[in-house]
Structures are given as structure tokens and as C-alpha cells.
Amino acid sequence: MSKNLLETMHEEMDRCRELKKEYDLIPTGFFGSATIVATIKQAEKAIEEGDPIKMLVALEELKKIEG
């Protein structure tokens, strides 16, 4: 069964939140942590607006975040 866009976005946001915790433990991880927070906020705004195009763009940005 395939997931819908919202489910996938929430999973990616959760993954990024966990990754942010790791960045917060690194003394020089502030920039990475701040970038993750900004990307999550962008995704949350796209969801609030209900704009599927912005949601897809935000999802791709979330997927780019790596540890």
C-alpha cells in the first residue's frame, strides 16, 4: 500500500527532527540544526496552506537532509 503525501511528509519531518537532535549534540552543529528547523517550518507551512506543489517541494528538501 502506498503512502499519501501527508503521511510521507510527516515521516520525513520526524526523521529530520531526530537528526536535528544529533546535530544539537555537536559543538559546531548549529548551522545544520538551524537549517533542519527552517526546512521543517517550510514543510509545516506548506501543509497549513494545503498547497500540494509547495508540499512536494518541501518534501524534496526534507529528503535532502542527511546526517
PDB file of N, CA and C in Angstrom:
ATOM      1  N   MET A   1       0.848  -1.183   0.000  1.00  0.00           N
ATOM      2  CA  MET A   1       0.000   0.000   0.000  1.00  0.00           C
ATOM      3  C   MET A   1       0.891   1.245   0.000  1.00  0.00           C
ATOM      4  N   SER A   2       0.633   2.154  -0.895  1.00  0.00           N
ATOM      5  CA  SER A   2       1.445   3.365  -0.965  1.00  0.00           C
ATOM      6  C   SER A   2       0.942   4.414   0.032  1.00  0.00           C
ATOM      7  N   LYS A   3       1.860   5.242   0.454  1.00  0.00           N
ATOM      8  CA  LYS A   3       1.533   6.291   1.415  1.00  0.00           C
ATOM      9  C   LYS A   3       1.114   7.541   0.659  1.00  0.00           C
ATOM     10  N   ASN A   4       0.291   8.342   1.313  1.00  0.00           N
ATOM     11  CA  ASN A   4      -0.075   9.597   0.675  1.00  0.00           C
ATOM     12  C   ASN A   4       0.962  10.671   1.006  1.00  0.00           C
ATOM     13  N   LEU A   5       0.837  11.807   0.395  1.00  0.00           N
ATOM     14  CA  LEU A   5       1.809  12.882   0.536  1.00  0.00           C
ATOM     15  C   LEU A   5       1.950  13.338   1.984  1.00  0.00           C
ATOM     16  N   LEU A   6       0.840  13.521   2.677  1.00  0.00           N
ATOM     17  CA  LEU A   6       0.909  13.976   4.069  1.00  0.00           C
ATOM     18  C   LEU A   6       1.623  12.973   4.964  1.00  0.00           C
ATOM     19  N   GLU A   7       1.323  11.702   4.803  1.00  0.00           N
ATOM     20  CA  GLU A   7       1.991  10.676   5.609  1.00  0.00           C
ATOM     21  C   GLU A   7       3.499  10.694   5.367  1.00  0.00           C
ATOM     22  N   THR A   8       3.870  10.799   4.114  1.00  0.00           N
ATOM     23  CA  THR A   8       5.286  10.811   3.765  1.00  0.00           C
ATOM     24  C   THR A   8       5.967  12.049   4.329  1.00  0.00           C
ATOM     25  N   MET A   9       5.303  13.187   4.249  1.00  0.00           N
ATOM     26  CA  MET A   9       5.879  14.416   4.795  1.00  0.00           C
ATOM     27  C   MET A   9       6.073  14.305   6.301  1.00  0.00           C
ATOM     28  N   HIS A  10       5.077  13.783   6.997  1.00  0.00           N
ATOM     29  CA  HIS A  10       5.197  13.653   8.450  1.00  0.00           C
ATOM     30  C   HIS A  10       6.324  12.687   8.830  1.00  0.00           C
ATOM     31  N   GLU A  11       6.478  11.630   8.084  1.00  0.00           N
ATOM     32  CA  GLU A  11       7.578  10.695   8.348  1.00  0.00           C
ATOM     33  C   GLU A  11       8.933  11.372   8.141  1.00  0.00           C
ATOM     34  N   GLU A  12       9.042  12.137   7.072  1.00  0.00           N
ATOM     35  CA  GLU A  12      10.297  12.837   6.796  1.00  0.00           C
ATOM     36  C   GLU A  12      10.567  13.916   7.841  1.00  0.00           C
ATOM     37  N   MET A  13       9.532  14.627   8.278  1.00  0.00           N
ATOM     38  CA  MET A  13       9.723  15.638   9.317  1.00  0.00           C
ATOM     39  C   MET A  13      10.168  14.984  10.616  1.00  0.00           C
ATOM     40  N   ASP A  14       9.585  13.843  10.957  1.00  0.00           N
ATOM     41  CA  ASP A  14      10.006  13.116  12.163  1.00  0.00           C
ATOM     42  C   ASP A  14      11.462  12.659  12.052  1.00  0.00           C
ATOM     43  N   ARG A  15      11.836  12.164  10.874  1.00  0.00           N
ATOM     44  CA  ARG A  15      13.220  11.740  10.649  1.00  0.00           C
ATOM     45  C   ARG A  15      14.171  12.916  10.826  1.00  0.00           C
ATOM     46  N   CYS A  16      13.788  14.056  10.291  1.00  0.00           N
ATOM     47  CA  CYS A  16      14.632  15.246  10.387  1.00  0.00           C
ATOM     48  C   CYS A  16      14.703  15.768  11.823  1.00  0.00           C
ATOM     49  N   ARG A  17      13.625  15.665  12.566  1.00  0.00           N
ATOM     50  CA  ARG A  17      13.649  16.078  13.977  1.00  0.00           C
ATOM     51  C   ARG A  17      14.629  15.217  14.769  1.00  0.00           C
ATOM     52  N   GLU A  18      14.649  13.925  14.478  1.00  0.00           N
ATOM     53  CA  GLU A  18      15.596  13.038  15.153  1.00  0.00           C
ATOM     54  C   GLU A  18      17.030  13.394  14.763  1.00  0.00           C
ATOM     55  N   LEU A  19      17.230  13.688  13.503  1.00  0.00           N
ATOM     56  CA  LEU A  19      18.555  14.070  13.028  1.00  0.00           C
ATOM     57  C   LEU A  19      19.003  15.390  13.655  1.00  0.00           C
ATOM     58  N   LYS A  20      18.068  16.314  13.846  1.00  0.00           N
ATOM     59  CA  LYS A  20      18.381  17.590  14.489  1.00  0.00           C
ATOM     60  C   LYS A  20      18.940  17.361  15.890  1.00  0.00           C
ATOM     61  N   LYS A  21      18.396  16.388  16.604  1.00  0.00           N
ATOM     62  CA  LYS A  21      18.886  16.081  17.951  1.00  0.00           C
ATOM     63  C   LYS A  21      20.368  15.715  17.911  1.00  0.00           C
ATOM     64  N   GLU A  22      20.772  15.000  16.868  1.00  0.00           N
ATOM     65  CA  GLU A  22      22.174  14.631  16.723  1.00  0.00           C
ATOM     66  C   GLU A  22      23.031  15.862  16.435  1.00  0.00           C
ATOM     67  N   TYR A  23      22.529  16.747  15.582  1.00  0.00           N
ATOM     68  CA  TYR A  23      23.263  17.975  15.285  1.00  0.00           C
ATOM     69  C   TYR A  23      23.401  18.841  16.533  1.00  0.00           C
ATOM     70  N   ASP A  24      22.380  18.838  17.375  1.00  0.00           N
ATOM     71  CA  ASP A  24      22.418  19.634  18.604  1.00  0.00           C
ATOM     72  C   ASP A  24      23.516  19.161  19.556  1.00  0.00           C
ATOM     73  N   LEU A  25      23.938  17.917  19.441  1.00  0.00           N
ATOM     74  CA  LEU A  25      24.986  17.378  20.301  1.00  0.00           C
ATOM     75  C   LEU A  25      26.392  17.731  19.818  1.00  0.00           C
ATOM     76  N   ILE A  26      26.482  18.178  18.584  1.00  0.00           N
ATOM     77  CA  ILE A  26      27.787  18.523  18.002  1.00  0.00           C
ATOM     78  C   ILE A  26      28.072  19.999  18.297  1.00  0.00           C
ATOM     79  N   PRO A  27      29.226  20.295  18.876  1.00  0.00           N
ATOM     80  CA  PRO A  27      29.543  21.695  19.190  1.00  0.00           C
ATOM     81  C   PRO A  27      29.443  22.647  17.994  1.00  0.00           C
ATOM     82  N   THR A  28      29.765  22.171  16.812  1.00  0.00           N
ATOM     83  CA  THR A  28      29.707  23.020  15.616  1.00  0.00           C
ATOM     84  C   THR A  28      28.483  22.714  14.754  1.00  0.00           C
ATOM     85  N   GLY A  29      27.469  22.077  15.331  1.00  0.00           N
ATOM     86  CA  GLY A  29      26.304  21.653  14.564  1.00  0.00           C
ATOM     87  C   GLY A  29      25.186  22.665  14.473  1.00  0.00           C
ATOM     88  N   PHE A  30      25.435  23.912  14.934  1.00  0.00           N
ATOM     89  CA  PHE A  30      24.362  24.908  14.944  1.00  0.00           C
ATOM     90  C   PHE A  30      23.787  25.169  13.564  1.00  0.00           C
ATOM     91  N   PHE A  31      24.663  25.346  12.559  1.00  0.00           N
ATOM     92  CA  PHE A  31      24.164  25.661  11.219  1.00  0.00           C
ATOM     93  C   PHE A  31      23.290  24.530  10.679  1.00  0.00           C
ATOM     94  N   GLY A  32      23.750  23.299  10.841  1.00  0.00           N
ATOM     95  CA  GLY A  32      22.956  22.160  10.377  1.00  0.00           C
ATOM     96  C   GLY A  32      21.620  22.081  11.091  1.00  0.00           C
ATOM     97  N   SER A  33      21.644  22.304  12.393  1.00  0.00           N
ATOM     98  CA  SER A  33      20.418  22.270  13.191  1.00  0.00           C
ATOM     99  C   SER A  33      19.450  23.365  12.744  1.00  0.00           C
ATOM    100  N   ALA A  34      19.968  24.562  12.538  1.00  0.00           N
ATOM    101  CA  ALA A  34      19.134  25.683  12.105  1.00  0.00           C
ATOM    102  C   ALA A  34      18.537  25.436  10.718  1.00  0.00           C
ATOM    103  N   THR A  35      19.318  24.826   9.849  1.00  0.00           N
ATOM    104  CA  THR A  35      18.834  24.506   8.508  1.00  0.00           C
ATOM    105  C   THR A  35      17.696  23.494   8.568  1.00  0.00           C
ATOM    106  N   ILE A  36      17.838  22.508   9.424  1.00  0.00           N
ATOM    107  CA  ILE A  36      16.789  21.495   9.588  1.00  0.00           C
ATOM    108  C   ILE A  36      15.503  22.143  10.099  1.00  0.00           C
ATOM    109  N   VAL A  37      15.626  23.004  11.104  1.00  0.00           N
ATOM    110  CA  VAL A  37      14.457  23.684  11.664  1.00  0.00           C
ATOM    111  C   VAL A  37      13.751  24.503  10.577  1.00  0.00           C
ATOM    112  N   ALA A  38      14.517  25.244   9.782  1.00  0.00           N
ATOM    113  CA  ALA A  38      13.931  26.065   8.720  1.00  0.00           C
ATOM    114  C   ALA A  38      13.212  25.204   7.677  1.00  0.00           C
ATOM    115  N   THR A  39      13.790  24.078   7.346  1.00  0.00           N
ATOM    116  CA  THR A  39      13.176  23.182   6.357  1.00  0.00           C
ATOM    117  C   THR A  39      11.891  22.569   6.895  1.00  0.00           C
ATOM    118  N   ILE A  40      11.896  22.191   8.161  1.00  0.00           N
ATOM    119  CA  ILE A  40      10.682  21.646   8.782  1.00  0.00           C
ATOM    120  C   ILE A  40       9.586  22.713   8.819  1.00  0.00           C
ATOM    121  N   LYS A  41       9.951  23.942   9.163  1.00  0.00           N
ATOM    122  CA  LYS A  41       8.958  25.029   9.191  1.00  0.00           C
ATOM    123  C   LYS A  41       8.369  25.267   7.806  1.00  0.00           C
ATOM    124  N   GLN A  42       9.201  25.179   6.784  1.00  0.00           N
ATOM    125  CA  GLN A  42       8.725  25.330   5.408  1.00  0.00           C
ATOM    126  C   GLN A  42       7.697  24.235   5.089  1.00  0.00           C
ATOM    127  N   ALA A  43       7.987  23.025   5.511  1.00  0.00           N
ATOM    128  CA  ALA A  43       7.070  21.904   5.266  1.00  0.00           C
ATOM    129  C   ALA A  43       5.764  22.093   6.033  1.00  0.00           C
ATOM    130  N   GLU A  44       5.858  22.531   7.277  1.00  0.00           N
ATOM    131  CA  GLU A  44       4.654  22.755   8.084  1.00  0.00           C
ATOM    132  C   GLU A  44       3.779  23.845   7.468  1.00  0.00           C
ATOM    133  N   LYS A  45       4.416  24.889   6.954  1.00  0.00           N
ATOM    134  CA  LYS A  45       3.658  25.971   6.312  1.00  0.00           C
ATOM    135  C   LYS A  45       2.958  25.477   5.054  1.00  0.00           C
ATOM    136  N   ALA A  46       3.638  24.666   4.274  1.00  0.00           N
ATOM    137  CA  ALA A  46       3.032  24.116   3.058  1.00  0.00           C
ATOM    138  C   ALA A  46       1.814  23.266   3.403  1.00  0.00           C
ATOM    139  N   ILE A  47       1.914  22.493   4.492  1.00  0.00           N
ATOM    140  CA  ILE A  47       0.786  21.671   4.924  1.00  0.00           C
ATOM    141  C   ILE A  47      -0.370  22.559   5.379  1.00  0.00           C
ATOM    142  N   GLU A  48      -0.060  23.585   6.171  1.00  0.00           N
ATOM    143  CA  GLU A  48      -1.099  24.505   6.657  1.00  0.00           C
ATOM    144  C   GLU A  48      -1.834  25.170   5.500  1.00  0.00           C
ATOM    145  N   GLU A  49      -1.090  25.539   4.475  1.00  0.00           N
ATOM    146  CA  GLU A  49      -1.684  26.197   3.315  1.00  0.00           C
ATOM    147  C   GLU A  49      -2.430  25.220   2.417  1.00  0.00           C
ATOM    148  N   GLY A  50      -2.151  23.939   2.575  1.00  0.00           N
ATOM    149  CA  GLY A  50      -2.814  22.932   1.746  1.00  0.00           C
ATOM    150  C   GLY A  50      -2.389  23.004   0.289  1.00  0.00           C
ATOM    151  N   ASP A  51      -1.192  23.512   0.037  1.00  0.00           N
ATOM    152  CA  ASP A  51      -0.696  23.682  -1.326  1.00  0.00           C
ATOM    153  C   ASP A  51       0.137  22.461  -1.720  1.00  0.00           C
ATOM    154  N   PRO A  52      -0.402  21.600  -2.586  1.00  0.00           N
ATOM    155  CA  PRO A  52       0.314  20.369  -2.930  1.00  0.00           C
ATOM    156  C   PRO A  52       1.653  20.605  -3.637  1.00  0.00           C
ATOM    157  N   ILE A  53       1.767  21.679  -4.403  1.00  0.00           N
ATOM    158  CA  ILE A  53       3.032  21.971  -5.077  1.00  0.00           C
ATOM    159  C   ILE A  53       4.094  22.334  -4.039  1.00  0.00           C
ATOM    160  N   LYS A  54       3.750  23.221  -3.107  1.00  0.00           N
ATOM    161  CA  LYS A  54       4.693  23.597  -2.043  1.00  0.00           C
ATOM    162  C   LYS A  54       5.018  22.389  -1.166  1.00  0.00           C
ATOM    163  N   MET A  55       4.042  21.528  -0.987  1.00  0.00           N
ATOM    164  CA  MET A  55       4.261  20.329  -0.181  1.00  0.00           C
ATOM    165  C   MET A  55       5.279  19.413  -0.855  1.00  0.00           C
ATOM    166  N   LEU A  56       5.170  19.234  -2.158  1.00  0.00           N
ATOM    167  CA  LEU A  56       6.120  18.397  -2.889  1.00  0.00           C
ATOM    168  C   LEU A  56       7.517  18.990  -2.855  1.00  0.00           C
ATOM    169  N   VAL A  57       7.608  20.305  -3.002  1.00  0.00           N
ATOM    170  CA  VAL A  57       8.905  20.973  -2.944  1.00  0.00           C
ATOM    171  C   VAL A  57       9.512  20.793  -1.554  1.00  0.00           C
ATOM    172  N   ALA A  58       8.696  21.003  -0.514  1.00  0.00           N
ATOM    173  CA  ALA A  58       9.174  20.851   0.864  1.00  0.00           C
ATOM    174  C   ALA A  58       9.607  19.409   1.137  1.00  0.00           C
ATOM    175  N   LEU A  59       8.864  18.457   0.615  1.00  0.00           N
ATOM    176  CA  LEU A  59       9.216  17.057   0.808  1.00  0.00           C
ATOM    177  C   LEU A  59      10.585  16.756   0.200  1.00  0.00           C
ATOM    178  N   GLU A  60      10.833  17.273  -0.976  1.00  0.00           N
ATOM    179  CA  GLU A  60      12.134  17.046  -1.614  1.00  0.00           C
ATOM    180  C   GLU A  60      13.257  17.681  -0.790  1.00  0.00           C
ATOM    181  N   GLU A  61      12.999  18.840  -0.212  1.00  0.00           N
ATOM    182  CA  GLU A  61      14.010  19.485   0.640  1.00  0.00           C
ATOM    183  C   GLU A  61      14.263  18.659   1.903  1.00  0.00           C
ATOM    184  N   LEU A  62      13.211  18.111   2.480  1.00  0.00           N
ATOM    185  CA  LEU A  62      13.360  17.258   3.670  1.00  0.00           C
ATOM    186  C   LEU A  62      14.208  16.026   3.342  1.00  0.00           C
ATOM    187  N   LYS A  63      13.969  15.447   2.183  1.00  0.00           N
ATOM    188  CA  LYS A  63      14.686  14.245   1.780  1.00  0.00           C
ATOM    189  C   LYS A  63      16.183  14.497   1.584  1.00  0.00           C
ATOM    190  N   LYS A  64      16.550  15.740   1.291  1.00  0.00           N
ATOM    191  CA  LYS A  64      17.955  16.095   1.061  1.00  0.00           C
ATOM    192  C   LYS A  64      18.752  16.133   2.366  1.00  0.00           C
ATOM    193  N   ILE A  65      18.073  16.251   3.486  1.00  0.00           N
ATOM    194  CA  ILE A  65      18.765  16.387   4.771  1.00  0.00           C
ATOM    195  C   ILE A  65      19.357  15.045   5.176  1.00  0.00           C
ATOM    196  N   GLU A  66      20.654  15.061   5.415  1.00  0.00           N
ATOM    197  CA  GLU A  66      21.375  13.844   5.783  1.00  0.00           C
ATOM    198  C   GLU A  66      22.236  14.107   7.002  1.00  0.00           C
ATOM    199  N   GLY A  67      22.614  13.026   7.649  1.00  0.00           N
ATOM    200  CA  GLY A  67      23.454  13.141   8.845  1.00  0.00           C
ATOM    201  C   GLY A  67      24.912  12.983   8.528  1.00  0.00           C
TER     202      GLY A  67
END
